[in-house]
N, C-alpha and C. Protein backbone atom coordinates (compact mmCIF):
# COMPACT_ATOMS: atom_id res chain seq x y z
N MET A 1 189.04 114.45 30.81
CA MET A 1 187.82 113.79 30.00
C MET A 1 187.66 114.63 28.91
N LEU A 2 187.14 115.84 29.05
CA LEU A 2 186.70 116.70 28.28
C LEU A 2 187.73 116.61 26.78
N ASN A 3 188.66 116.39 26.71
CA ASN A 3 189.68 116.41 25.38
C ASN A 3 189.04 115.15 24.66
N ILE A 4 188.89 114.09 25.29
CA ILE A 4 188.19 112.63 24.84
C ILE A 4 186.85 113.05 24.07
N LEU A 5 186.20 113.83 24.55
CA LEU A 5 184.58 113.84 24.36
C LEU A 5 184.80 114.70 23.14
N ASN A 6 185.83 115.58 22.94
CA ASN A 6 186.13 116.48 21.85
C ASN A 6 186.34 115.83 20.89
N ILE A 7 187.39 114.70 20.70
CA ILE A 7 187.42 113.88 19.78
C ILE A 7 186.30 113.39 18.72
N GLY A 8 185.13 112.99 19.59
CA GLY A 8 183.92 112.40 19.22
C GLY A 8 183.36 113.34 18.36
N PHE A 9 183.37 114.76 18.93
CA PHE A 9 182.52 115.84 18.17
C PHE A 9 183.27 116.35 17.01
N ILE A 10 184.75 116.51 17.14
CA ILE A 10 185.20 116.46 15.91
C ILE A 10 185.28 115.72 14.63
N LEU A 11 185.15 114.40 15.26
CA LEU A 11 184.72 113.17 14.31
C LEU A 11 183.73 113.47 13.60
N VAL A 12 182.11 113.59 14.49
CA VAL A 12 181.24 114.06 13.61
C VAL A 12 181.09 115.42 12.52
N PHE A 13 181.80 116.23 13.17
CA PHE A 13 182.05 117.66 12.59
C PHE A 13 182.69 117.57 10.96
N LEU A 14 183.82 116.54 11.37
CA LEU A 14 184.21 116.54 10.12
C LEU A 14 183.61 115.44 9.19
N GLY A 15 182.83 114.74 9.38
CA GLY A 15 181.89 113.93 8.94
C GLY A 15 180.97 114.97 8.28
N ALA A 16 180.43 115.81 8.88
CA ALA A 16 179.42 116.92 8.18
C ALA A 16 179.86 118.00 7.31
N CYS A 17 181.04 117.70 7.67
CA CYS A 17 182.16 119.27 6.38
C CYS A 17 182.24 117.97 5.43
N GLY A 18 182.40 116.95 5.37
CA GLY A 18 182.53 116.46 4.39
C GLY A 18 181.58 115.73 3.20
N ILE A 19 180.28 115.94 4.12
CA ILE A 19 179.23 115.68 2.82
C ILE A 19 178.77 116.98 2.48
N LEU A 20 178.98 118.35 3.41
CA LEU A 20 178.52 119.45 2.64
C LEU A 20 179.63 120.08 1.58
N VAL A 21 180.66 119.66 1.60
CA VAL A 21 181.59 120.34 0.46
C VAL A 21 181.63 119.27 -0.69
N ASN A 22 181.63 118.12 -0.23
CA ASN A 22 181.66 116.59 -1.72
C ASN A 22 179.98 116.93 -2.05
N LYS A 23 179.84 117.40 -3.12
CA LYS A 23 178.66 117.48 -3.84
C LYS A 23 178.33 116.30 -4.69
N ARG A 24 179.49 115.85 -5.37
CA ARG A 24 179.17 115.10 -6.52
C ARG A 24 179.92 113.60 -6.85
N ASN A 25 180.45 113.11 -5.23
CA ASN A 25 181.25 111.58 -5.39
C ASN A 25 180.56 111.01 -3.97
N ILE A 26 179.24 109.87 -4.52
CA ILE A 26 178.86 109.15 -3.65
C ILE A 26 179.61 108.61 -2.74
N LEU A 27 180.41 107.87 -3.24
CA LEU A 27 181.38 107.25 -2.64
C LEU A 27 182.02 107.75 -1.19
N ILE A 28 182.48 108.87 -1.47
CA ILE A 28 182.98 110.25 -0.44
C ILE A 28 181.92 110.33 0.72
N SER A 29 180.50 111.02 0.01
CA SER A 29 179.76 111.01 0.68
C SER A 29 179.15 110.03 2.12
N VAL A 30 179.42 108.67 1.30
CA VAL A 30 178.97 107.19 2.40
C VAL A 30 179.90 107.17 3.29
N ILE A 31 181.51 107.62 3.08
CA ILE A 31 182.35 107.71 3.86
C ILE A 31 182.38 108.58 4.84
N ALA A 32 181.63 109.66 4.54
CA ALA A 32 181.98 110.89 5.76
C ALA A 32 180.61 110.66 6.50
N ILE A 33 179.18 110.13 5.93
CA ILE A 33 178.67 109.39 6.95
C ILE A 33 178.99 108.42 7.91
N GLU A 34 179.88 107.39 7.51
CA GLU A 34 180.20 106.22 8.39
C GLU A 34 181.33 106.99 9.13
N LEU A 35 182.11 108.07 9.07
CA LEU A 35 182.76 108.86 10.20
C LEU A 35 182.11 109.52 10.87
N MET A 36 180.92 110.32 10.53
CA MET A 36 179.82 110.58 11.54
C MET A 36 179.49 109.65 12.94
N PHE A 37 179.15 108.18 12.33
CA PHE A 37 178.81 107.29 13.01
C PHE A 37 179.94 106.87 13.99
N TYR A 38 180.92 106.78 13.10
CA TYR A 38 181.91 106.63 14.14
C TYR A 38 182.37 107.68 15.35
N GLY A 39 182.21 108.77 14.71
CA GLY A 39 182.48 109.82 16.03
C GLY A 39 181.49 109.45 17.03
N LEU A 40 180.30 109.60 16.70
CA LEU A 40 179.21 109.33 17.82
C LEU A 40 179.43 107.61 18.47
N ASN A 41 179.67 107.15 18.16
CA ASN A 41 180.24 105.66 18.94
C ASN A 41 181.10 106.07 19.74
N PHE A 42 182.53 106.63 19.21
CA PHE A 42 183.68 107.31 20.18
C PHE A 42 182.92 108.12 21.54
N TYR A 43 181.88 109.03 21.20
CA TYR A 43 181.24 109.88 21.95
C TYR A 43 180.61 108.97 23.07
N LEU A 44 179.99 108.30 22.81
CA LEU A 44 178.64 107.31 23.26
C LEU A 44 179.67 106.29 24.51
N ILE A 45 180.98 106.02 23.66
CA ILE A 45 181.67 104.77 24.53
C ILE A 45 182.55 105.63 25.87
N SER A 46 182.67 106.82 25.18
CA SER A 46 183.61 107.56 26.24
C SER A 46 182.70 108.17 27.48
N LEU A 47 181.62 108.64 27.12
CA LEU A 47 180.70 109.09 28.12
C LEU A 47 180.33 107.93 28.69
N SER A 48 180.38 106.44 28.33
CA SER A 48 179.66 105.64 29.23
C SER A 48 181.07 105.45 30.26
N ILE A 49 182.02 105.24 29.83
CA ILE A 49 183.06 105.06 30.53
C ILE A 49 183.08 106.09 32.02
N PHE A 50 183.17 107.24 31.70
CA PHE A 50 183.36 108.34 32.51
C PHE A 50 182.15 108.32 33.38
N LEU A 51 180.85 107.88 33.12
CA LEU A 51 179.45 107.85 33.86
C LEU A 51 179.57 106.54 34.50
N ASP A 52 180.40 105.47 33.86
CA ASP A 52 180.37 104.46 34.65
C ASP A 52 179.00 103.56 34.32
N ASP A 53 178.32 103.71 33.43
CA ASP A 53 177.37 103.10 32.73
C ASP A 53 177.55 102.24 31.11
N ILE A 54 176.74 101.20 31.34
CA ILE A 54 176.87 100.45 30.45
C ILE A 54 175.93 100.36 29.56
N LEU A 55 174.86 101.73 29.40
CA LEU A 55 174.01 101.68 28.40
C LEU A 55 174.36 102.49 27.17
N GLY A 56 175.41 103.16 27.35
CA GLY A 56 176.24 104.08 26.66
C GLY A 56 176.93 102.67 25.45
N GLU A 57 177.58 101.87 26.34
CA GLU A 57 178.01 100.93 25.12
C GLU A 57 177.38 100.15 24.46
N ILE A 58 175.94 99.96 25.21
CA ILE A 58 174.92 99.06 24.44
C ILE A 58 174.39 100.03 23.11
N LEU A 59 174.03 101.17 23.74
CA LEU A 59 173.78 102.19 22.57
C LEU A 59 174.38 102.01 21.37
N SER A 60 175.89 101.78 21.61
CA SER A 60 177.01 102.47 20.68
C SER A 60 177.18 100.74 19.86
N LEU A 61 176.95 99.63 20.40
CA LEU A 61 176.71 98.53 19.26
C LEU A 61 175.63 98.46 18.77
N MET A 62 174.25 99.04 19.21
CA MET A 62 173.14 99.54 18.39
C MET A 62 173.43 100.49 17.13
N VAL A 63 174.09 101.32 17.29
CA VAL A 63 174.49 102.22 16.15
C VAL A 63 175.69 101.86 15.24
N LEU A 64 176.37 100.76 16.02
CA LEU A 64 177.77 100.01 14.78
C LEU A 64 176.61 98.88 13.88
N THR A 65 175.45 98.74 14.57
CA THR A 65 174.73 97.67 13.73
C THR A 65 174.12 98.38 12.71
N LEU A 66 173.44 99.51 12.98
CA LEU A 66 172.92 100.48 11.94
C LEU A 66 174.04 100.97 11.13
N ALA A 67 175.27 101.26 11.10
CA ALA A 67 176.33 102.10 10.54
C ALA A 67 176.62 100.45 9.28
N ALA A 68 176.79 99.35 9.76
CA ALA A 68 176.82 97.99 8.82
C ALA A 68 176.30 98.00 7.89
N ALA A 69 174.68 98.26 8.68
CA ALA A 69 173.55 97.96 7.45
C ALA A 69 173.46 99.13 6.78
N GLU A 70 173.55 100.44 7.07
CA GLU A 70 173.56 101.98 5.90
C GLU A 70 174.89 101.30 4.81
N SER A 71 176.12 101.20 5.39
CA SER A 71 176.91 100.87 4.62
C SER A 71 177.19 99.79 3.54
N ALA A 72 176.31 98.58 3.86
CA ALA A 72 176.01 97.55 2.88
C ALA A 72 175.16 97.87 1.92
N LEU A 73 173.82 98.69 2.48
CA LEU A 73 172.93 99.31 1.17
C LEU A 73 173.63 100.23 0.33
N ALA A 74 174.19 101.13 1.12
CA ALA A 74 174.99 102.08 0.28
C ALA A 74 175.86 101.53 -0.70
N LEU A 75 176.51 100.48 -0.27
CA LEU A 75 177.39 99.85 -1.18
C LEU A 75 176.64 99.21 -2.59
N ALA A 76 175.97 98.25 -2.24
CA ALA A 76 174.71 98.08 -3.33
C ALA A 76 173.93 99.23 -4.34
N LEU A 77 173.75 100.22 -3.41
CA LEU A 77 173.05 101.20 -4.34
C LEU A 77 174.01 101.86 -5.17
N ILE A 78 175.52 101.93 -4.71
CA ILE A 78 176.44 102.68 -5.72
C ILE A 78 176.73 101.67 -6.72
N MET A 79 176.92 100.36 -6.70
CA MET A 79 177.14 99.43 -7.65
C MET A 79 175.84 99.32 -8.58
N SER A 80 174.84 99.55 -8.14
CA SER A 80 173.69 99.38 -9.38
C SER A 80 173.62 100.99 -10.06
N TYR A 81 173.93 102.27 -9.36
CA TYR A 81 174.17 103.26 -9.93
C TYR A 81 175.50 103.25 -10.99
N PHE A 82 176.49 102.58 -10.66
CA PHE A 82 177.52 102.43 -11.49
C PHE A 82 176.96 101.58 -12.82
N ARG A 83 176.39 100.49 -12.61
CA ARG A 83 176.39 99.48 -13.66
C ARG A 83 174.96 100.64 -14.60
N ILE A 84 174.16 101.16 -14.11
CA ILE A 84 173.26 102.21 -15.02
C ILE A 84 174.30 103.41 -16.09
N TYR A 85 175.18 104.15 -15.13
CA TYR A 85 175.84 105.40 -15.82
C TYR A 85 177.22 104.99 -15.98
N SER A 86 177.83 104.17 -15.48
CA SER A 86 178.91 103.92 -15.82
C SER A 86 179.88 104.73 -15.15
N ASN A 87 179.46 105.65 -14.17
CA ASN A 87 180.39 106.34 -12.77
C ASN A 87 179.77 106.47 -11.64
N ILE A 88 180.51 106.91 -10.82
CA ILE A 88 179.41 107.29 -9.37
C ILE A 88 179.58 108.82 -8.99
N LEU A 89 179.73 109.75 -9.93
CA LEU A 89 179.55 111.11 -9.88
C LEU A 89 178.14 111.46 -9.85
N ILE A 90 177.91 112.11 -9.45
CA ILE A 90 176.24 112.75 -9.52
C ILE A 90 176.29 113.77 -10.44
N ASN A 91 175.37 113.71 -11.56
CA ASN A 91 175.00 114.66 -12.31
C ASN A 91 174.40 115.68 -11.73
N GLU A 92 174.76 117.06 -11.96
CA GLU A 92 173.68 118.50 -11.55
C GLU A 92 172.94 118.95 -12.49
N ASN A 93 172.66 118.24 -13.45
CA ASN A 93 171.56 118.57 -14.41
C ASN A 93 170.33 118.54 -13.92
């Protein structure tokens, strides 16, 4: 069971590293945040199965809803940023 829980932790860690390493591309940052959400979902579902409890799966569905709303909002912001600046790279000036 610990190996399964470690997979969720590794996904969250990789998402955090993706945000910290990437400083210029907005799209990569959004993908890293989504990876963190999916790692959290994996962790919640595996813990819910291990404890034989439904609440972790319900919370996971709520986190998935939040992740879908976040990705839709981020895509709209990226498109408007692209229309204004003609690229999706963040200026560091």
